[in-house]
């Protein structure tokens, strides 16, 4: 989600409150570096990505 900490904070909070299995990370899908950083963040925390 772009701007997960900023204008989309309320949406992030609502999604994460819905389920302990939801993890929202800041990511701009138009920016390859941002996507790689998001993937690395998720893998470091969970060891896998489940979509």
C-alpha atoms as a PDB file:
ATOM      1  CA  UNK A   1       0.000   0.000   0.000  1.00  0.00           C
ATOM      2  CA  UNK A   2       1.371   3.397  -0.918  1.00  0.00           C
ATOM      3  CA  UNK A   3       1.564   5.867   1.982  1.00  0.00           C
ATOM      4  CA  UNK A   4       0.723   3.247   4.608  1.00  0.00           C
ATOM      5  CA  UNK A   5       2.244   5.664   7.085  1.00  0.00           C
ATOM      6  CA  UNK A   6       0.639   8.934   6.078  1.00  0.00           C
ATOM      7  CA  UNK A   7      -2.614   9.458   4.256  1.00  0.00           C
ATOM      8  CA  UNK A   8      -3.513   5.732   4.365  1.00  0.00           C
ATOM      9  CA  UNK A   9      -2.746   5.164   8.053  1.00  0.00           C
ATOM     10  CA  UNK A  10      -6.431   4.720   8.932  1.00  0.00           C
ATOM     11  CA  UNK A  11      -6.888   2.081   6.217  1.00  0.00           C
ATOM     12  CA  UNK A  12      -3.731   0.267   7.357  1.00  0.00           C
ATOM     13  CA  UNK A  13      -4.957   0.253  10.951  1.00  0.00           C
ATOM     14  CA  UNK A  14      -8.402  -1.014   9.942  1.00  0.00           C
ATOM     15  CA  UNK A  15      -6.976  -3.834   7.808  1.00  0.00           C
ATOM     16  CA  UNK A  16      -4.520  -4.978  10.444  1.00  0.00           C
ATOM     17  CA  UNK A  17      -7.257  -4.881  13.113  1.00  0.00           C
ATOM     18  CA  UNK A  18      -9.393  -7.171  10.958  1.00  0.00           C
ATOM     19  CA  UNK A  19      -6.961 -10.086  11.261  1.00  0.00           C
ATOM     20  CA  UNK A  20      -3.634 -10.845  12.890  1.00  0.00           C
ATOM     21  CA  UNK A  21      -2.682 -12.490   9.581  1.00  0.00           C
ATOM     22  CA  UNK A  22      -2.786  -9.204   7.650  1.00  0.00           C
ATOM     23  CA  UNK A  23       0.436  -7.203   7.419  1.00  0.00           C
ATOM     24  CA  UNK A  24       0.347  -3.931   5.515  1.00  0.00           C
ATOM     25  CA  UNK A  25       3.667  -2.642   4.202  1.00  0.00           C
ATOM     26  CA  UNK A  26       4.440   0.593   2.418  1.00  0.00           C
ATOM     27  CA  UNK A  27       5.059  -0.099  -1.268  1.00  0.00           C
ATOM     28  CA  UNK A  28       4.856   1.829  -4.528  1.00  0.00           C
ATOM     29  CA  UNK A  29       4.253  -0.756  -7.260  1.00  0.00           C
ATOM     30  CA  UNK A  30       5.582   1.658  -9.882  1.00  0.00           C
ATOM     31  CA  UNK A  31       8.988   1.710  -8.163  1.00  0.00           C
ATOM     32  CA  UNK A  32      11.075  -1.486  -8.413  1.00  0.00           C
ATOM     33  CA  UNK A  33      13.205  -0.586  -5.388  1.00  0.00           C
ATOM     34  CA  UNK A  34      10.096  -0.026  -3.286  1.00  0.00           C
ATOM     35  CA  UNK A  35       8.700  -3.422  -4.324  1.00  0.00           C
ATOM     36  CA  UNK A  36      11.971  -5.197  -3.518  1.00  0.00           C
ATOM     37  CA  UNK A  37      12.140  -3.489  -0.104  1.00  0.00           C
ATOM     38  CA  UNK A  38       8.564  -4.550   0.688  1.00  0.00           C
ATOM     39  CA  UNK A  39       9.319  -8.143  -0.301  1.00  0.00           C
ATOM     40  CA  UNK A  40      12.484  -8.159   1.798  1.00  0.00           C
ATOM     41  CA  UNK A  41      10.550  -6.760   4.779  1.00  0.00           C
ATOM     42  CA  UNK A  42       7.888  -9.440   4.563  1.00  0.00           C
ATOM     43  CA  UNK A  43      10.384 -12.263   4.079  1.00  0.00           C
ATOM     44  CA  UNK A  44      12.493 -11.056   7.021  1.00  0.00           C
ATOM     45  CA  UNK A  45       9.435 -11.056   9.297  1.00  0.00           C
ATOM     46  CA  UNK A  46       7.635 -14.195   8.137  1.00  0.00           C
ATOM     47  CA  UNK A  47       9.949 -16.194   5.905  1.00  0.00           C
ATOM     48  CA  UNK A  48       7.263 -16.447   3.224  1.00  0.00           C
ATOM     49  CA  UNK A  49       4.717 -14.459   1.249  1.00  0.00           C
ATOM     50  CA  UNK A  50       1.141 -15.714   1.177  1.00  0.00           C
ATOM     51  CA  UNK A  51      -1.135 -13.883  -1.239  1.00  0.00           C
END
